[in-house]
């Protein structure tokens, strides 16, 4: 189905044929329940997992869910909420802060925070404990992203979450397919499949498709660029936390070497001499810095599935009955 035609006019997405963003119709029916009830002093939690894999579109799907829920909440309750990079956080400390800054009924996405995997009794989970103590008063919807549903503690997977969307590759590592589990089937999947991390232990309520473009509003292109930048910076921070001070200093030198080489008319040997290293070392520095720069440019940039492929529906297996599964 298509929604928010005024927010996403023709040309907003790759190969878009008509105005609006695409969302699977059965998924929309279930998210509508949350959008209606979030104002009734409730807090909802959804999980977007990656079938024990990476790079298969978890964050993309989370932005689809976040944008649709925000748009639907606005439609039902006559509000003017937005879904931007400000709604995306990468750790529980930022989650705690951002949840206070954002208005009621907002959707927040916690993107692969390491402390989600920690045991509830550990000190490192203090921020997320504080969040869940006050989340009922905030009346918001939280979406958490994780590579694997089975690595989550039961507090999230069974006690607090209302649905699971498991995103997976298909057809030679193409993105764009998901399985949806409502409350009952999510619980059965966890109980039956946890020991062997087996996603076939219980069938989903239905399967669906999604396009591989991030979805934000009101400024789609600006927010996509900013989100990619923030996500890459978070990845670098996580890497640097595991580096010793000498390794961090080396990376800074390599990046500066590349910047000066690109902006000054100077040879590698002369620039290397200024850094008191050999020309061979200077050449290696350039190689390492370029690789990091290329990674930043291409991170999450590949789009394997266009909206036009699903504007007329898809041939996935559907449930025999429609309606609420959450």
Foldseek 3Di string as FASTA:
>chain_A
DFDDQVLAAPPNFPPDDGGGFDDDPQVLQALLVLLVCLVVLDEAEEEEAALLDPDQQSQQVVLVSQQSSVVSNCVVVVDDDWFFCLQEAAELQSVLVSLVVGAAAHEHEHEAYPCQLPDPPDPRCVSVVVCVVCVSVRSYYYYYYYHALLSGPCCDQQVHHAKYWHWYADDPRAHWKIFIAGNPQSVQQNVQCNVPSDNVSGHGQFMFTHWLQHDTDNPRVVRSVVNLQVVLVVVVVVVVVPDDPVVVVLLVVLLVLLVCVVPDPDDLQVSCVVVVHHSVVSVVSPVVNVVSVVCSVCPSVDTRGTPVVDPVHDDTDHHPDGHHRD
